[in-house]
Protein backbone atom coordinates (compact mmCIF):
# COMPACT_ATOMS: atom_id res chain seq x y z
CA MET A 1 15.21 192.58 -0.68
CA ALA A 2 17.63 189.80 0.29
CA ARG A 3 16.16 186.30 0.18
CA PRO A 4 17.20 183.80 2.88
CA PHE A 5 17.23 180.06 2.22
CA VAL A 6 16.78 177.72 5.18
CA LEU A 7 17.51 174.02 5.62
CA PRO A 8 14.40 172.41 4.12
CA ASP A 9 12.38 169.59 5.62
CA LEU A 10 14.22 166.54 4.27
CA GLY A 11 11.40 164.15 5.13
CA GLU A 12 11.43 160.87 7.11
CA GLY A 13 11.34 162.78 10.40
CA LEU A 14 14.81 164.30 9.90
CA THR A 15 15.30 167.42 12.03
CA GLU A 16 18.95 168.33 11.52
CA ALA A 17 21.94 167.81 9.26
CA GLU A 18 25.69 168.38 9.36
CA ILE A 19 27.28 170.59 6.72
CA VAL A 20 29.88 168.56 4.80
CA THR A 21 30.88 170.84 1.92
CA VAL A 22 29.96 174.35 0.79
CA LEU A 23 30.10 174.25 -3.02
CA VAL A 24 29.73 178.00 -3.60
CA ALA A 25 31.31 181.23 -2.43
CA GLU A 26 29.81 184.60 -1.59
CA GLY A 27 29.33 186.52 -4.81
CA ASP A 28 28.80 183.44 -7.00
CA LEU A 29 25.88 183.31 -9.43
CA ILE A 30 24.12 179.94 -9.55
CA ARG A 31 21.16 178.53 -11.42
CA GLU A 32 18.01 177.09 -9.91
CA ASP A 33 18.33 173.44 -8.77
CA ALA A 34 22.13 173.50 -9.03
CA PRO A 35 23.71 171.72 -6.02
CA PHE A 36 25.36 174.22 -3.71
CA LEU A 37 25.68 172.42 -0.37
CA GLU A 38 26.44 168.85 0.70
CA VAL A 39 24.98 167.78 4.03
CA GLU A 40 25.00 164.58 6.05
CA THR A 41 21.87 163.34 7.81
CA ASP A 42 21.29 160.13 9.72
CA LYS A 43 20.24 158.58 6.40
CA ALA A 44 22.81 159.69 3.85
CA GLN A 45 25.15 162.34 2.55
CA VAL A 46 23.13 164.38 0.07
CA GLU A 47 23.35 167.48 -2.07
CA ILE A 48 21.02 170.39 -1.39
CA PRO A 49 19.92 172.07 -4.65
CA SER A 50 19.45 175.79 -4.92
CA PRO A 51 15.74 176.73 -4.75
CA MET A 52 16.27 179.72 -7.04
CA ALA A 53 18.69 181.35 -9.44
CA GLY A 54 20.66 184.29 -8.16
CA ARG A 55 23.80 185.63 -6.50
CA ILE A 56 25.00 184.29 -3.17
CA GLU A 57 25.12 187.31 -0.90
CA LYS A 58 26.10 185.62 2.37
CA ILE A 59 26.91 182.09 3.52
CA HIS A 60 25.80 181.44 7.11
CA VAL A 61 27.23 177.94 7.62
CA GLN A 62 30.56 176.16 7.40
CA PRO A 63 31.71 172.52 7.09
CA GLY A 64 31.31 170.54 10.29
CA GLN A 65 28.46 172.69 11.59
CA THR A 66 25.19 171.01 12.60
CA VAL A 67 22.07 172.92 11.59
CA ARG A 68 18.41 172.25 12.26
CA VAL A 69 15.53 172.35 9.78
CA GLY A 70 14.48 175.99 9.40
CA GLU A 71 17.89 177.55 10.08
CA VAL A 72 19.27 179.92 7.43
CA LEU A 73 21.95 178.39 5.21
CA VAL A 74 22.61 181.17 2.70
CA THR A 75 21.15 184.52 1.73
CA PHE A 76 20.51 185.40 -1.91
CA ALA A 77 20.77 188.93 -3.21
CA ASP A 78 17.67 190.81 -4.34
CA ALA A 79 16.19 189.29 -7.50
CA ASP A 80 16.20 192.65 -9.32
CA GLU A 81 19.91 193.05 -8.65
CA VAL A 82 20.86 189.92 -10.60
CA ALA A 83 18.13 189.85 -13.26
CA GLY A 84 19.59 189.33 -16.68
CA ARG A 85 23.03 188.25 -15.46
CA PRO A 86 24.25 184.73 -16.39
CA ALA A 87 23.94 182.08 -13.67
CA GLN A 88 26.81 179.80 -12.74
CA ALA A 89 27.01 176.23 -11.61
CA PRO A 90 28.86 175.44 -8.38
CA PRO A 91 32.59 174.59 -8.49
CA ALA A 92 33.66 171.20 -9.75
CA PRO A 93 34.45 168.68 -7.01
CA GLY A 94 37.95 169.17 -5.62
CA LEU A 95 38.36 172.77 -6.86
CA GLY A 96 36.97 174.33 -3.71
CA PRO A 97 34.34 177.07 -3.28
CA THR A 98 36.07 179.85 -5.22
CA GLY A 99 34.49 182.09 -7.78
CA ALA A 100 37.27 181.35 -10.27
CA ALA A 101 36.55 177.64 -10.09
CA THR A 102 32.88 177.89 -10.98
CA ARG A 103 31.66 176.59 -14.31
CA GLU A 104 29.59 178.70 -16.66
CA ALA A 105 26.01 177.52 -17.11
CA ALA A 106 22.96 178.55 -19.09
CA ALA A 107 21.28 181.70 -17.95
CA ALA A 108 18.21 181.23 -15.78
CA PRO A 109 15.84 183.94 -14.65
CA ALA A 110 15.50 184.55 -10.91
CA HIS A 111 12.11 183.99 -9.31
CA ASP A 112 10.41 186.83 -7.59
CA GLY A 113 9.40 186.36 -3.98
CA ALA A 114 10.32 183.68 -1.50
CA PRO A 115 11.33 180.18 -2.67
CA VAL A 116 8.66 177.49 -2.71
CA PRO A 117 9.02 175.33 0.43
CA ALA A 118 9.60 171.76 -0.75
CA THR A 119 12.10 168.97 -0.15
CA PRO A 120 14.74 168.13 -2.78
CA ALA A 121 12.89 164.89 -3.53
CA THR A 122 9.62 166.76 -4.10
CA ARG A 123 11.40 169.22 -6.41
CA ARG A 124 12.80 166.31 -8.40
CA LEU A 125 9.33 164.76 -8.68
CA ALA A 126 7.92 168.08 -9.88
CA ARG A 127 10.55 168.28 -12.62
CA GLU A 128 9.79 164.71 -13.71
CA LEU A 129 6.04 165.40 -13.89
CA GLY A 130 6.42 168.83 -15.47
CA VAL A 131 4.78 170.65 -12.56
CA ASP A 132 5.68 174.26 -11.73
CA LEU A 133 5.92 174.38 -7.94
CA ARG A 134 5.06 178.08 -7.92
CA GLY A 135 1.52 177.19 -8.92
CA VAL A 136 1.02 174.42 -6.34
CA ARG A 137 -0.71 175.02 -3.02
CA GLY A 138 1.17 173.18 -0.27
CA SER A 139 -0.70 171.03 2.22
CA GLY A 140 2.30 170.27 4.43
CA ALA A 141 3.40 171.97 7.63
CA GLY A 142 3.97 175.69 7.09
CA GLY A 143 2.62 175.48 3.54
CA ARG A 144 5.29 172.98 2.41
CA VAL A 145 4.54 171.37 -0.94
CA THR A 146 4.44 167.57 -0.63
CA ASP A 147 4.68 164.72 -3.14
CA VAL A 148 0.90 164.31 -2.87
CA ASP A 149 0.41 167.98 -3.82
CA VAL A 150 2.68 167.59 -6.86
CA ARG A 151 0.95 164.44 -8.09
CA ALA A 152 -2.44 166.06 -7.57
CA ALA A 153 -1.32 169.07 -9.61
CA ALA A 154 -0.17 166.70 -12.34
CA GLY A 155 -3.60 165.08 -12.33
CA GLY A 156 -2.40 161.66 -11.18
CA GLY A 157 -2.17 161.78 -7.43
CA PRO A 158 -4.53 160.81 -4.65
CA SER A 159 -6.17 163.38 -2.45
CA PRO A 160 -4.80 163.69 1.07
CA ALA A 161 -6.34 161.18 3.46
CA PRO A 162 -9.12 162.60 5.64
CA ALA A 163 -8.28 163.36 9.24
CA ARG A 164 -9.02 160.48 11.58
CA PRO A 165 -10.72 160.87 14.95
CA ALA A 166 -8.46 161.11 17.95
CA ALA A 167 -7.94 157.93 19.95
CA LYS A 168 -6.37 157.12 23.27
CA PRO A 169 -2.56 156.90 22.82
CA LEU A 170 -0.79 153.70 23.75
CA ALA A 171 1.61 153.85 26.68
CA THR A 172 5.28 154.67 26.12
CA VAL A 173 8.24 154.60 28.47
CA GLY A 174 10.61 157.50 29.08
CA LEU A 175 13.94 156.87 30.82
CA GLU A 176 16.50 159.37 32.08
CA PRO A 177 19.98 157.81 32.48
CA PRO A 178 21.80 158.44 35.76
CA PRO A 179 25.01 160.48 35.68
CA LEU A 180 28.19 158.62 34.76
CA PRO A 181 30.88 158.07 37.39
CA ALA A 182 34.24 159.84 37.12
CA PHE A 183 36.12 157.12 35.24
CA GLU A 184 39.35 159.11 35.57
CA GLN A 185 39.61 158.04 39.20
CA TRP A 186 40.55 154.52 38.07
CA GLY A 187 42.93 155.36 35.25
CA PRO A 188 43.53 157.44 32.12
CA VAL A 189 40.62 157.97 29.73
CA GLU A 190 40.15 159.54 26.33
CA ARG A 191 36.98 161.16 24.97
CA ALA A 192 36.17 160.74 21.28
CA PRO A 193 33.27 162.83 19.93
CA LEU A 194 30.52 160.92 18.15
CA SER A 195 29.94 161.72 14.49
CA HIS A 196 26.59 163.15 13.47
CA LEU A 197 25.61 159.79 11.95
CA ARG A 198 26.69 157.86 15.06
CA ARG A 199 24.74 160.20 17.35
CA THR A 200 21.62 159.82 15.24
CA ILE A 201 21.94 156.03 15.08
CA ALA A 202 22.24 155.99 18.87
CA ASP A 203 19.11 158.14 19.23
CA ARG A 204 17.07 155.98 16.82
CA MET A 205 18.15 152.70 18.39
CA THR A 206 17.30 154.04 21.84
CA LEU A 207 13.91 155.16 20.56
CA SER A 208 13.16 151.76 19.04
CA ALA A 209 14.36 149.76 22.03
CA THR A 210 12.38 152.01 24.40
CA LEU A 211 9.09 152.21 22.50
CA VAL A 212 8.86 148.75 20.95
CA PRO A 213 8.47 145.48 22.91
CA HIS A 214 10.88 143.30 20.93
CA VAL A 215 10.44 139.53 20.64
CA THR A 216 12.69 137.25 18.57
CA HIS A 217 11.99 133.93 16.85
CA PHE A 218 14.93 131.75 15.74
CA ASP A 219 14.95 129.33 12.81
CA ARG A 220 17.32 127.71 10.32
CA ALA A 221 17.10 127.16 6.57
CA ASP A 222 18.77 124.35 4.65
CA ILE A 223 20.28 126.30 1.75
CA THR A 224 22.35 123.46 0.27
CA GLU A 225 20.46 123.52 -3.04
CA LEU A 226 20.31 127.31 -3.08
CA ASP A 227 24.07 127.58 -2.57
CA ALA A 228 24.66 125.10 -5.40
CA LEU A 229 22.36 127.10 -7.68
CA ILE A 230 24.24 130.31 -6.91
CA ARG A 231 27.62 128.68 -7.57
CA ARG A 232 26.45 127.19 -10.88
CA ASN A 233 25.30 130.57 -12.14
CA LEU A 234 28.03 132.87 -10.80
CA GLU A 235 29.90 133.18 -14.08
CA ALA A 236 26.79 133.55 -16.22
CA ALA A 237 25.53 136.31 -13.93
CA ARG A 238 28.93 138.02 -13.88
CA GLU A 239 28.90 138.14 -17.68
CA GLN A 240 25.72 140.20 -17.38
CA GLY A 241 27.36 142.54 -14.87
CA VAL A 242 25.58 141.00 -11.86
CA THR A 243 27.12 139.60 -8.69
CA LEU A 244 24.82 136.80 -7.59
CA THR A 245 24.67 136.53 -3.77
CA LEU A 246 22.55 134.95 -1.06
CA THR A 247 21.19 138.38 -0.10
CA GLY A 248 19.35 138.73 -3.40
CA PHE A 249 17.48 135.48 -2.76
CA LEU A 250 16.82 136.51 0.85
CA LEU A 251 15.18 139.70 -0.42
CA GLU A 252 13.02 137.79 -2.90
CA ALA A 253 11.95 135.16 -0.35
CA THR A 254 11.15 137.77 2.29
CA ALA A 255 9.14 140.02 -0.03
CA LEU A 256 7.00 137.11 -1.22
CA ALA A 257 6.48 135.92 2.37
CA LEU A 258 5.44 139.42 3.44
CA ARG A 259 2.55 139.27 0.98
CA ALA A 260 1.11 136.39 2.98
CA HIS A 261 1.94 137.92 6.38
CA PRO A 262 1.09 141.64 5.98
CA GLN A 263 1.32 142.51 9.68
CA PHE A 264 5.12 142.30 9.37
CA ASN A 265 5.07 144.81 6.50
CA ALA A 266 3.35 147.41 8.64
CA SER A 267 3.76 150.24 11.13
CA LEU A 268 1.81 150.77 14.32
CA ASP A 269 0.05 154.12 14.71
CA ALA A 270 0.01 154.13 18.51
CA ALA A 271 -1.86 157.44 18.76
CA ALA A 272 -4.72 156.21 16.56
CA GLY A 273 -4.62 152.64 17.81
CA GLU A 274 -4.32 151.37 14.24
CA LEU A 275 -2.00 149.14 12.24
CA ILE A 276 -0.90 150.67 8.93
CA LEU A 277 -0.62 147.79 6.45
CA LYS A 278 1.58 148.79 3.51
CA ARG A 279 0.61 147.29 0.19
CA TYR A 280 4.07 147.87 -1.27
CA TYR A 281 7.24 145.97 -0.43
CA HIS A 282 10.30 148.23 -0.16
CA LEU A 283 13.00 146.26 1.65
CA GLY A 284 15.98 147.81 3.39
CA VAL A 285 19.37 146.08 3.60
CA ALA A 286 21.74 147.07 6.40
CA VAL A 287 25.10 148.04 4.88
CA ALA A 288 28.22 148.55 7.02
CA THR A 289 30.20 151.62 5.90
CA GLU A 290 33.16 153.54 7.31
CA ARG A 291 30.67 156.14 8.58
CA GLY A 292 28.39 153.63 10.29
CA LEU A 293 25.44 151.39 9.51
CA ILE A 294 23.21 152.68 6.70
CA VAL A 295 20.06 151.03 5.33
CA PRO A 296 19.45 151.60 1.60
CA VAL A 297 16.04 150.54 0.28
CA LEU A 298 15.14 148.43 -2.76
CA ARG A 299 11.66 149.22 -4.01
CA ASP A 300 8.91 146.83 -5.12
CA VAL A 301 11.06 143.76 -4.47
CA ASP A 302 8.05 141.44 -4.81
CA ARG A 303 7.65 142.44 -8.47
CA LYS A 304 11.24 141.82 -9.58
CA PRO A 305 13.16 138.67 -10.57
CA VAL A 306 16.24 137.70 -8.55
CA MET A 307 18.68 138.87 -11.24
CA GLU A 308 17.20 142.37 -11.25
CA ILE A 309 17.20 142.46 -7.45
CA ALA A 310 20.87 141.43 -7.40
CA ARG A 311 21.78 144.08 -9.97
CA GLU A 312 20.01 146.87 -8.07
CA LEU A 313 21.40 145.73 -4.74
CA GLY A 314 25.00 145.81 -5.97
CA ALA A 315 24.67 149.31 -7.41
CA LEU A 316 22.78 150.64 -4.39
CA ALA A 317 25.21 149.23 -1.80
CA GLN A 318 28.17 150.65 -3.72
CA ARG A 319 26.64 154.13 -3.87
CA VAL A 320 26.09 154.05 -0.12
CA ARG A 321 29.64 152.86 0.63
CA ASP A 322 31.01 155.62 -1.61
CA GLY A 323 28.97 158.23 0.25
CA LYS A 324 26.91 158.98 -2.85
CA GLY A 325 23.54 157.68 -1.67
CA THR A 326 20.62 160.07 -1.79
CA ILE A 327 17.71 160.54 0.58
CA GLU A 328 15.53 158.72 -1.95
CA ASP A 329 17.87 155.71 -1.75
CA LEU A 330 17.22 155.40 1.98
CA ARG A 331 13.60 156.33 2.58
CA GLY A 332 10.30 154.48 2.42
CA GLY A 333 11.45 151.07 3.71
CA THR A 334 8.81 148.65 5.01
CA PHE A 335 11.02 145.83 6.33
CA THR A 336 14.76 145.41 6.94
CA ILE A 337 17.25 142.56 6.48
CA SER A 338 20.52 142.61 8.42
CA ASN A 339 22.92 140.02 6.99
CA ILE A 340 26.12 139.70 9.04
CA GLY A 341 27.09 136.37 7.50
CA ALA A 342 30.16 137.77 5.77
CA LEU A 343 31.53 138.85 9.16
CA GLY A 344 30.87 135.56 10.98
CA GLY A 345 28.86 134.78 14.07
CA THR A 346 26.25 132.17 14.84
CA GLY A 347 23.32 134.54 15.26
CA ALA A 348 22.20 138.03 16.22
CA ILE A 349 19.14 139.85 17.55
CA PRO A 350 18.96 143.14 15.61
CA ILE A 351 16.94 146.11 16.82
CA ILE A 352 13.87 146.96 14.75
CA ASN A 353 14.34 149.84 12.32
CA TYR A 354 11.54 152.03 13.74
CA PRO A 355 8.81 152.70 12.61
CA GLU A 356 8.89 149.32 10.86
CA ALA A 357 7.37 146.33 12.64
CA ALA A 358 10.05 143.68 12.12
CA ILE A 359 13.62 142.93 11.04
CA LEU A 360 15.30 139.73 9.80
CA GLY A 361 18.77 138.87 11.12
CA VAL A 362 20.96 136.49 9.10
CA ALA A 363 24.21 134.90 10.32
CA ARG A 364 26.87 132.82 8.54
CA ALA A 365 25.76 129.56 6.93
CA ARG A 366 27.75 126.55 8.07
CA GLU A 367 27.94 122.94 6.95
CA GLU A 368 26.48 120.67 9.62
CA ALA A 369 25.63 117.03 10.09
CA VAL A 370 21.87 116.70 9.57
CA VAL A 371 19.60 113.67 9.74
CA ARG A 372 17.61 113.28 6.52
CA GLU A 373 15.49 110.19 5.86
CA GLY A 374 17.32 108.32 8.58
CA GLN A 375 20.78 109.18 7.20
CA ILE A 376 23.36 111.61 8.59
CA VAL A 377 24.38 113.89 5.73
CA PRO A 378 26.26 117.22 5.44
CA ARG A 379 23.94 120.16 4.78
CA LEU A 380 24.53 123.92 4.61
CA MET A 381 22.41 125.49 7.34
CA LEU A 382 21.59 129.21 7.54
CA PRO A 383 20.70 130.71 10.97
CA LEU A 384 17.82 133.22 10.89
CA SER A 385 16.34 135.44 13.59
CA LEU A 386 13.07 137.30 13.13
CA THR A 387 12.66 140.17 15.60
CA PHE A 388 9.26 141.84 15.61
CA ASP A 389 7.01 144.22 17.51
CA HIS A 390 5.00 142.12 19.94
CA ARG A 391 2.21 144.72 19.82
CA VAL A 392 1.41 143.86 16.20
CA ALA A 393 2.03 140.11 16.12
CA ASP A 394 2.20 137.11 18.44
CA GLY A 395 4.80 134.36 18.68
CA ALA A 396 2.78 131.99 16.51
CA ASP A 397 2.53 134.66 13.79
CA GLY A 398 6.29 135.13 13.87
CA ALA A 399 6.91 131.38 13.66
CA ARG A 400 4.64 131.06 10.61
CA PHE A 401 6.25 134.01 8.85
CA ALA A 402 9.79 132.72 9.50
CA SER A 403 8.77 129.24 8.31
CA ASP A 404 7.44 130.76 5.09
CA ILE A 405 10.81 132.42 4.43
CA VAL A 406 12.63 129.15 5.22
CA ARG A 407 10.38 127.18 2.85
CA ARG A 408 11.12 129.54 -0.02
CA LEU A 409 14.88 129.47 0.58
CA GLU A 410 14.82 125.67 0.64
CA HIS A 411 13.07 125.53 -2.76
CA PRO A 412 15.13 127.89 -4.93
CA ASP A 413 13.59 126.58 -8.16
CA GLN A 414 10.17 127.86 -7.01
CA LEU A 415 11.77 131.07 -5.76
CA LEU A 416 13.15 131.79 -9.21
CA LEU A 417 9.60 131.49 -10.55
CA GLY A 418 8.29 133.90 -7.91
CA LEU A 419 6.21 131.22 -6.16
């Protein structure tokens, strides 16, 4: 019996993806976990691995097509039909989806029955932990195997959290825009279709701006000493393959400040009337790419020295700009920094990256005349704007949190020591 494969649940609330490249052709034999499709979501362009070994009987999608989670992507031939035949890897990049271009790979037996429902990230975790997904009972929607299920099967994961009693949902606002006027009556117009990423960004920003009562606190940090420290160590860092930048220190200062102000490293569960305080510090950094704004995530920033943060940030940002970021590179963030300093401007009020509770905006540092100890002296001043969910914190809380970040930036020697 033919075996259909549908677009899996990619996590993080993603419901659809756009097909970028089909890496196989009908009739090709591929091995389990070999990449055979590239798709673009609102988070990244990622490869979809094959859930089984077998022959591609029919391809149901084509590049440029938008598909929703659960829609059939390809159909595999009956397992008995291809048993014992060698599997192939997908074609090398640039060769196109032709059978002649495919590379020979080690033979892999086909699995009987339907593929195990699991995201690519969960499959990768299972391989790392040595867990056979076929023996794991899924606790997710529709029997999907989750990361928690895999870790539990490996003997090192927590049990799923018990269901919480229902609570009165908090109020939300729904708005329906009025129809647009006929702009053509005033002159020539041109319509340009939005890309999949741009459409999704628009939807998420509208969601955040509609659901979350934003409030913004402005502050400035004197980074004269920090800038001097960076300049003194540029060459030494470059010799170690690291580009030392202000953003690395911003990440360190913010992560340490979040420890003392946990409500900004949280998400509001409006339905339960609870604040989810995250005891890990995975910070996202907004990166401008040709495709749009993407937010890769650096994990456990509070545990890492500045040099390691700078090294990871450089590699991560480059992967995203090259379109090689994975879903894992862009998921799990707890707080976001949007640094537009390289582009100019005196300040900005960014929209919160929902479901996070806050976002830090950073503009270009400028040398200004500042009064210090009764003397007017030139100092390098960095404009900061902290935008946060007013449901989870008050103005005084925001002022204290921003001041904590400023204090750390103004004492880079302590920041290097993780204080």
